[in-house]
Protein backbone atom coordinates (compact mmCIF):
# COMPACT_ATOMS: atom_id res chain seq x y z
CA UNK A 1 -3.39 97.60 28.74
CA UNK A 2 -0.84 94.63 28.50
CA UNK A 3 -2.59 92.35 31.02
CA UNK A 4 -5.61 92.78 29.04
CA UNK A 5 -3.97 91.51 25.90
CA UNK A 6 -3.01 88.74 27.29
CA UNK A 7 -5.95 87.04 29.19
CA UNK A 8 -7.77 87.73 25.78
CA UNK A 9 -5.20 85.51 23.36
CA UNK A 10 -4.77 82.60 25.77
CA UNK A 11 -8.60 81.24 26.01
CA UNK A 12 -8.54 81.33 22.19
CA UNK A 13 -5.18 79.44 22.03
CA UNK A 14 -6.41 76.62 24.53
CA UNK A 15 -9.43 76.36 21.71
CA UNK A 16 -7.43 76.04 18.84
CA UNK A 17 -5.43 72.95 20.70
CA UNK A 18 -8.58 71.29 21.85
CA UNK A 19 -10.12 71.58 18.10
CA UNK A 20 -6.96 69.57 16.65
CA UNK A 21 -6.91 67.06 19.25
CA UNK A 22 -10.17 66.64 18.27
CA UNK A 23 -9.84 66.18 14.90
CA UNK A 24 -6.78 63.99 14.93
CA UNK A 25 -9.13 61.36 17.01
CA UNK A 26 -12.21 61.88 14.88
CA UNK A 27 -9.84 60.90 11.97
CA UNK A 28 -8.39 57.58 12.90
CA UNK A 29 -11.68 56.35 13.99
CA UNK A 30 -13.58 57.51 10.81
CA UNK A 31 -13.43 53.36 9.54
CA UNK A 32 -14.79 51.93 12.65
CA UNK A 33 -12.45 49.72 13.43
CA UNK A 34 -8.63 49.30 14.34
CA UNK A 35 -6.24 47.31 11.95
CA UNK A 36 -4.59 44.53 13.95
CA UNK A 37 -1.14 44.37 13.10
CA UNK A 38 -0.70 40.60 13.48
CA UNK A 39 -3.89 40.29 10.85
CA UNK A 40 -1.50 40.61 7.83
CA UNK A 41 1.51 38.67 9.36
CA UNK A 42 2.93 35.67 7.04
CA UNK A 43 1.87 33.04 10.13
CA UNK A 44 -1.96 34.23 9.98
CA UNK A 45 -2.40 34.19 6.25
CA UNK A 46 -0.55 31.65 5.18
CA UNK A 47 -0.40 28.77 7.58
CA UNK A 48 -0.72 25.84 5.57
CA UNK A 49 -3.09 23.06 5.91
CA UNK A 50 -2.30 19.74 8.04
CA UNK A 51 -1.56 16.84 6.73
CA UNK A 52 -4.52 14.08 6.07
CA UNK A 53 -3.13 11.67 8.63
CA UNK A 54 -2.85 11.92 12.19
CA UNK A 55 -2.45 8.49 13.61
CA UNK A 56 -1.03 5.31 12.14
CA UNK A 57 -2.56 1.89 12.29
CA UNK A 58 -1.20 -1.21 13.80
CA UNK A 59 1.02 -2.66 11.41
CA UNK A 60 1.25 -6.12 12.44
CA UNK A 61 -2.07 -6.30 11.75
CA UNK A 62 -1.68 -4.62 8.44
CA UNK A 63 -0.93 -7.57 6.51
CA UNK A 64 -3.82 -10.35 6.14
CA UNK A 65 -2.68 -13.94 6.87
CA UNK A 66 -3.78 -14.78 3.17
CA UNK A 67 -0.92 -12.75 1.98
CA UNK A 68 1.60 -13.86 4.35
CA UNK A 69 1.10 -17.35 3.37
CA UNK A 70 2.51 -16.19 -0.33
CA UNK A 71 5.40 -14.05 1.19
CA UNK A 72 6.21 -16.94 3.55
CA UNK A 73 5.91 -20.32 2.10
CA UNK A 74 8.35 -21.93 5.01
CA UNK A 75 5.40 -20.85 7.88
CA UNK A 76 3.20 -23.58 6.57
CA UNK A 77 5.46 -26.54 7.34
CA UNK A 78 5.12 -25.01 10.71
CA UNK A 79 3.16 -26.61 14.27
CA UNK A 80 0.28 -24.35 14.16
CA UNK A 81 1.87 -22.33 17.62
CA UNK A 82 4.63 -21.91 15.07
CA UNK A 83 2.94 -20.63 12.48
CA UNK A 84 1.04 -17.89 14.30
CA UNK A 85 3.99 -16.64 16.50
CA UNK A 86 5.60 -16.62 12.54
CA UNK A 87 2.40 -15.10 10.87
CA UNK A 88 1.95 -12.23 14.29
CA UNK A 89 4.88 -10.50 13.40
CA UNK A 90 7.27 -8.63 15.50
CA UNK A 91 6.62 -5.03 15.85
CA UNK A 92 9.48 -2.26 15.80
CA UNK A 93 10.52 -0.53 18.57
CA UNK A 94 9.81 3.32 18.63
CA UNK A 95 9.03 5.96 20.68
CA UNK A 96 5.68 7.97 19.21
CA UNK A 97 3.30 4.88 17.20
CA UNK A 98 1.72 8.04 16.29
CA UNK A 99 4.77 8.94 13.96
CA UNK A 100 6.64 5.70 13.29
CA UNK A 101 5.63 2.11 13.40
CA UNK A 102 6.96 -1.38 11.17
CA UNK A 103 6.39 -4.97 11.87
CA UNK A 104 8.80 -7.46 10.43
CA UNK A 105 7.80 -11.37 9.71
CA UNK A 106 10.83 -14.28 8.82
CA UNK A 107 10.25 -17.31 7.84
CA UNK A 108 12.62 -20.39 6.95
CA UNK A 109 12.29 -23.44 4.42
CA UNK A 110 13.96 -26.25 2.94
CA UNK A 111 14.51 -24.06 -0.13
CA UNK A 112 15.11 -20.60 0.67
CA UNK A 113 14.21 -18.18 3.66
CA UNK A 114 12.25 -15.36 3.15
CA UNK A 115 11.79 -11.95 5.66
CA UNK A 116 9.25 -9.19 5.43
CA UNK A 117 9.64 -5.76 6.90
CA UNK A 118 7.00 -2.79 6.34
CA UNK A 119 8.12 0.65 7.70
CA UNK A 120 5.01 3.57 8.14
CA UNK A 121 6.67 7.11 8.91
CA UNK A 122 3.94 9.81 9.35
CA UNK A 123 5.73 12.94 8.43
CA UNK A 124 4.69 16.48 10.62
CA UNK A 125 5.59 19.76 9.48
CA UNK A 126 6.72 22.16 12.44
CA UNK A 127 6.81 25.45 9.93
CA UNK A 128 3.48 26.67 9.22
CA UNK A 129 4.46 27.85 5.97
CA UNK A 130 5.24 24.54 5.08
CA UNK A 131 2.39 21.64 4.77
CA UNK A 132 2.61 18.16 5.92
CA UNK A 133 2.50 16.94 2.57
CA UNK A 134 5.19 19.34 1.22
CA UNK A 135 7.33 18.29 4.14
CA UNK A 136 6.16 14.70 3.02
CA UNK A 137 7.57 14.93 -0.20
CA UNK A 138 10.52 16.28 0.99
CA UNK A 139 11.29 13.15 3.21
CA UNK A 140 10.50 10.92 0.07
CA UNK A 141 12.44 12.50 -2.57
CA UNK A 142 15.95 12.06 -0.23
CA UNK A 143 14.48 8.49 -0.01
CA UNK A 144 14.29 8.10 -4.19
CA UNK A 145 17.86 9.99 -4.30
CA UNK A 146 19.39 7.85 -1.91
CA UNK A 147 18.17 4.63 -3.74
CA UNK A 148 20.06 5.93 -7.11
CA UNK A 149 17.62 4.49 -9.35
CA UNK A 150 18.91 4.39 -12.92
CA UNK A 151 17.82 6.88 -15.42
CA UNK A 152 14.84 5.08 -17.93
CA UNK A 153 15.65 3.94 -20.96
CA UNK A 154 16.59 6.26 -23.97
CA UNK A 155 17.22 9.22 -21.30
CA UNK A 156 20.76 10.86 -20.70
CA UNK A 157 22.70 8.72 -18.30
CA UNK A 158 24.38 11.72 -16.76
CA UNK A 159 21.08 11.97 -14.27
CA UNK A 160 18.24 10.57 -12.50
CA UNK A 161 14.72 11.77 -12.72
CA UNK A 162 13.64 13.90 -9.51
CA UNK A 163 10.78 13.32 -7.87
CA UNK A 164 7.86 15.48 -8.58
CA UNK A 165 8.40 19.01 -7.54
CA UNK A 166 11.96 18.44 -6.86
CA UNK A 167 14.92 19.13 -9.76
CA UNK A 168 17.09 16.31 -11.30
CA UNK A 169 19.89 14.83 -9.26
CA UNK A 170 23.28 13.69 -10.61
CA UNK A 171 23.39 10.19 -11.34
CA UNK A 172 26.57 8.35 -9.68
CA UNK A 173 27.69 4.91 -10.64
CA UNK A 174 29.11 4.53 -7.47
CA UNK A 175 25.66 3.82 -4.85
CA UNK A 176 25.20 5.14 -1.23
CA UNK A 177 26.03 2.39 1.03
CA UNK A 178 23.81 1.07 3.72
CA UNK A 179 24.36 0.18 6.80
CA UNK A 180 22.17 -1.56 9.94
CA UNK A 181 20.29 0.65 12.45
CA UNK A 182 17.83 0.58 14.89
CA UNK A 183 14.61 0.89 13.29
CA UNK A 184 12.93 3.95 15.70
CA UNK A 185 15.84 5.91 15.04
CA UNK A 186 16.48 4.60 11.10
CA UNK A 187 15.30 6.15 8.02
CA UNK A 188 13.97 3.43 5.53
CA UNK A 189 15.23 4.50 2.10
CA UNK A 190 16.74 1.84 -0.30
CA UNK A 191 20.55 2.69 -0.27
CA UNK A 192 22.17 1.15 -3.51
CA UNK A 193 22.42 0.76 -6.48
CA UNK A 194 20.03 -1.85 -7.53
CA UNK A 195 22.23 -3.03 -10.20
CA UNK A 196 25.10 -4.17 -7.74
CA UNK A 197 26.07 -7.39 -6.43
CA UNK A 198 27.55 -6.82 -3.22
CA UNK A 199 30.91 -9.39 -1.73
CA UNK A 200 30.74 -8.50 1.56
CA UNK A 201 32.89 -10.27 4.59
CA UNK A 202 31.42 -12.80 6.75
CA UNK A 203 30.56 -9.83 9.59
CA UNK A 204 28.25 -8.56 6.48
CA UNK A 205 24.47 -7.31 7.37
CA UNK A 206 23.56 -6.21 4.15
CA UNK A 207 20.30 -8.14 5.01
CA UNK A 208 19.52 -8.60 8.25
CA UNK A 209 18.43 -11.84 9.90
CA UNK A 210 15.33 -12.52 12.28
CA UNK A 211 15.44 -10.74 15.41
CA UNK A 212 18.05 -7.94 14.22
CA UNK A 213 17.32 -4.33 14.24
CA UNK A 214 18.55 -2.97 11.14
CA UNK A 215 16.74 -0.30 9.09
CA UNK A 216 13.36 -1.57 7.37
CA UNK A 217 14.73 -0.26 4.05
CA UNK A 218 18.09 -0.54 3.93
CA UNK A 219 18.84 -3.94 1.62
CA UNK A 220 22.73 -3.58 1.55
CA UNK A 221 25.58 -1.98 0.68
CA UNK A 222 27.25 -1.48 -2.44
CA UNK A 223 29.23 -3.32 -4.63
CA UNK A 224 30.90 -4.35 -8.03
CA UNK A 225 28.30 -4.17 -10.84
CA UNK A 226 26.45 -6.95 -11.91
CA UNK A 227 27.09 -8.90 -14.68
CA UNK A 228 23.66 -9.84 -15.66
CA UNK A 229 21.61 -7.05 -15.82
CA UNK A 230 17.96 -7.22 -14.54
CA UNK A 231 15.88 -8.32 -17.30
CA UNK A 232 13.84 -5.53 -19.19
CA UNK A 233 10.80 -4.15 -17.09
CA UNK A 234 12.20 -5.41 -14.19
CA UNK A 235 14.77 -2.94 -13.65
CA UNK A 236 14.40 -0.56 -10.55
CA UNK A 237 12.07 2.44 -11.56
CA UNK A 238 9.58 4.97 -10.50
CA UNK A 239 6.00 3.49 -10.12
CA UNK A 240 2.81 4.39 -11.43
CA UNK A 241 -0.66 4.53 -9.87
CA UNK A 242 0.64 4.23 -6.21
CA UNK A 243 0.14 6.72 -3.52
CA UNK A 244 1.37 10.11 -4.47
CA UNK A 245 4.59 9.22 -5.19
CA UNK A 246 6.36 5.61 -5.83
CA UNK A 247 9.60 3.55 -6.63
CA UNK A 248 10.84 0.07 -6.56
CA UNK A 249 14.20 -0.51 -5.93
CA UNK A 250 16.05 -4.44 -6.68
CA UNK A 251 19.40 -5.48 -5.20
CA UNK A 252 21.09 -8.88 -5.48
CA UNK A 253 23.94 -9.54 -2.84
CA UNK A 254 26.17 -12.07 -1.27
CA UNK A 255 27.46 -11.93 2.31
CA UNK A 256 30.44 -14.34 2.39
CA UNK A 257 29.82 -17.45 0.80
CA UNK A 258 26.26 -17.80 1.26
CA UNK A 259 23.77 -17.68 -1.49
CA UNK A 260 22.73 -14.70 -3.28
CA UNK A 261 19.72 -12.83 -1.89
CA UNK A 262 17.37 -10.33 -3.85
CA UNK A 263 15.68 -7.65 -2.02
CA UNK A 264 13.42 -5.60 -3.53
CA UNK A 265 11.86 -2.58 -1.79
CA UNK A 266 8.83 -0.54 -2.55
CA UNK A 267 8.63 3.03 -1.27
CA UNK A 268 5.69 5.38 -1.45
CA UNK A 269 3.86 8.86 -0.34
CA UNK A 270 0.44 9.09 0.63
CA UNK A 271 -0.35 12.43 1.72
CA UNK A 272 2.15 13.05 4.56
CA UNK A 273 2.42 9.67 5.42
CA UNK A 274 5.58 7.21 3.75
CA UNK A 275 5.49 3.87 3.55
CA UNK A 276 8.43 1.11 3.00
CA UNK A 277 7.87 -2.55 1.74
CA UNK A 278 10.95 -4.87 1.75
CA UNK A 279 10.74 -8.53 0.55
CA UNK A 280 14.18 -10.58 1.10
CA UNK A 281 14.63 -13.81 -0.68
CA UNK A 282 17.90 -16.29 0.13
CA UNK A 283 18.28 -19.45 -1.39
CA UNK A 284 19.51 -22.44 0.91
CA UNK A 285 21.77 -23.16 -2.10
CA UNK A 286 24.63 -20.89 -3.18
CA UNK A 287 23.59 -21.80 -6.90
CA UNK A 288 21.28 -19.45 -8.89
CA UNK A 289 19.76 -16.44 -7.56
CA UNK A 290 16.07 -15.48 -6.75
CA UNK A 291 13.52 -14.81 -9.02
CA UNK A 292 13.47 -10.77 -9.68
CA UNK A 293 9.65 -11.03 -11.06
CA UNK A 294 8.00 -13.00 -8.37
CA UNK A 295 9.43 -10.91 -5.56
CA UNK A 296 8.79 -7.80 -7.30
CA UNK A 297 4.72 -8.52 -7.62
CA UNK A 298 4.59 -9.70 -4.63
CA UNK A 299 6.22 -6.68 -3.23
CA UNK A 300 4.24 -4.32 -5.11
CA UNK A 301 0.91 -6.27 -4.28
CA UNK A 302 1.47 -5.73 -0.87
CA UNK A 303 2.17 -2.03 -1.29
CA UNK A 304 -1.08 -1.94 -2.93
CA UNK A 305 -3.18 -3.40 -0.03
CA UNK A 306 -1.26 -0.93 2.61
CA UNK A 307 -2.21 1.95 -0.01
CA UNK A 308 -5.93 1.01 0.00
CA UNK A 309 -6.13 0.39 3.68
CA UNK A 310 -4.87 4.43 4.03
CA UNK A 311 -7.50 5.45 2.17
CA UNK A 312 -10.33 3.80 3.67
């Protein structure tokens, strides 16, 4: 009798196992689709949008000749062939013109020497969670901090205002030191506290001469405080109405026994592009100093023109 009982039990157990397996398979497909484990991953769900700009325009053609004539008055007295060379500018050497470009112009006159440098940098974020614009703002904020802008009137001198989205940074009475670097590797910032006068030796490279490879935005090295502060309204400052964020720096410096030279720098960010305009004047005579208001007005006018061209 025992063999018969065992034959009756085994078929029942097999049927029960088949039912259990079928029930598990059915419950897993009730929603009609299988969940993709990557669908909810941070990379797929929060990938930041790319920046507005995917390339950069040719820099030496970005400044119209009418503006160059005002910025470089010494070129007007040159023969036409030499004028064409001066107004044509000298392109900065870069390895990727979609990421960074620059151009410089220089003209000497009997009264003064003028130099103009522009630098355009397209910032790209390689972190999918950080947009190109946010990364560009970080780069811009470092430039503003390096400029060591004085606090606006009526604010505490203990700190300087940070840029949008960034905390304030500690103030400093001893500004950063500028240096001469190759434009392709340079970081165009304004480098120093603008309320200083620099006294350096003959080998100083505070303001580049024509054909040098100094950083487009590095106007000079730190020095002792100037005895004559900038006139009211001409202090280095943040600028409104220019790109997404902007500031102006103004440095008066001296190289050896030469006349004082003034460098005005305007740096602004629009989306994921950072633009630096640096305009320098050095008088032929040691007496006196270049007019700050005139240089600032010309540099800001050019910066606004470049911002408009980027928006076209």
